[in-house]
């Protein structure tokens, strides 16, 4: 019984070590890459589809599914 408990503790510590060594740095790299990607998008000037230098959010009447009122 004591060997079984020791084996379970050893297994738990090895899993915790794997999480600490592999998962946490991988998540940190992923978060850093997403932050850089977000900042690059913001630096280029935003979101939306560009239409002659303006976004469709600036001119909602230019969208096909939203015609201007008659």
Protein backbone atom coordinates (compact mmCIF):
# COMPACT_ATOMS: atom_id res chain seq x y z
CA UNK A 1 0.00 0.00 0.00
CA UNK A 2 2.80 2.37 0.85
CA UNK A 3 4.44 1.69 -2.52
CA UNK A 4 1.16 2.47 -4.28
CA UNK A 5 0.81 5.81 -2.46
CA UNK A 6 4.43 6.65 -3.26
CA UNK A 7 3.83 5.78 -6.92
CA UNK A 8 0.74 8.02 -7.03
CA UNK A 9 2.69 10.90 -5.47
CA UNK A 10 5.53 10.35 -7.90
CA UNK A 11 3.08 10.34 -10.81
CA UNK A 12 1.44 13.54 -9.55
CA UNK A 13 4.79 15.30 -9.20
CA UNK A 14 5.86 14.23 -12.67
CA UNK A 15 2.60 15.55 -14.15
CA UNK A 16 2.99 18.82 -12.25
CA UNK A 17 6.55 19.08 -13.53
CA UNK A 18 5.39 18.51 -17.11
CA UNK A 19 2.78 21.25 -16.74
CA UNK A 20 5.30 23.63 -15.25
CA UNK A 21 8.02 22.91 -17.78
CA UNK A 22 6.00 22.61 -21.00
CA UNK A 23 2.50 24.02 -20.73
CA UNK A 24 3.11 27.30 -18.93
CA UNK A 25 5.92 28.52 -21.23
CA UNK A 26 3.91 27.46 -24.28
CA UNK A 27 0.92 29.45 -23.03
CA UNK A 28 3.14 32.46 -22.32
CA UNK A 29 4.54 32.33 -25.86
CA UNK A 30 1.02 32.05 -27.29
CA UNK A 31 -0.23 35.04 -25.29
CA UNK A 32 2.81 37.10 -26.29
CA UNK A 33 2.28 36.23 -29.97
CA UNK A 34 -1.39 37.21 -29.77
CA UNK A 35 -0.47 40.52 -28.12
CA UNK A 36 2.08 41.29 -30.84
CA UNK A 37 -0.44 40.37 -33.53
CA UNK A 38 -3.06 42.65 -31.93
CA UNK A 39 -0.61 45.54 -31.68
CA UNK A 40 0.43 45.11 -35.32
CA UNK A 41 -3.21 45.26 -36.42
CA UNK A 42 -3.79 48.37 -34.31
CA UNK A 43 -0.62 50.02 -35.63
CA UNK A 44 -1.78 49.51 -39.21
CA UNK A 45 -4.97 51.37 -38.53
CA UNK A 46 -7.72 49.22 -37.27
CA UNK A 47 -10.41 46.91 -38.45
CA UNK A 48 -13.07 46.55 -41.08
CA UNK A 49 -12.88 46.23 -44.85
CA UNK A 50 -11.09 49.13 -46.50
CA UNK A 51 -12.90 51.03 -49.24
CA UNK A 52 -10.75 53.82 -50.67
CA UNK A 53 -9.03 54.55 -47.40
CA UNK A 54 -12.17 54.39 -45.29
CA UNK A 55 -13.79 51.49 -43.54
CA UNK A 56 -17.29 50.24 -44.19
CA UNK A 57 -18.08 51.37 -40.66
CA UNK A 58 -17.48 54.97 -41.79
CA UNK A 59 -19.90 54.61 -44.71
CA UNK A 60 -22.60 52.11 -43.76
CA UNK A 61 -24.60 52.93 -46.89
CA UNK A 62 -21.88 51.42 -49.08
CA UNK A 63 -22.51 47.91 -47.78
CA UNK A 64 -24.50 45.64 -50.09
CA UNK A 65 -26.80 44.44 -47.34
CA UNK A 66 -27.49 47.92 -45.97
CA UNK A 67 -28.69 50.25 -48.75
CA UNK A 68 -29.22 53.95 -47.96
CA UNK A 69 -32.78 54.96 -47.10
CA UNK A 70 -34.86 56.24 -50.03
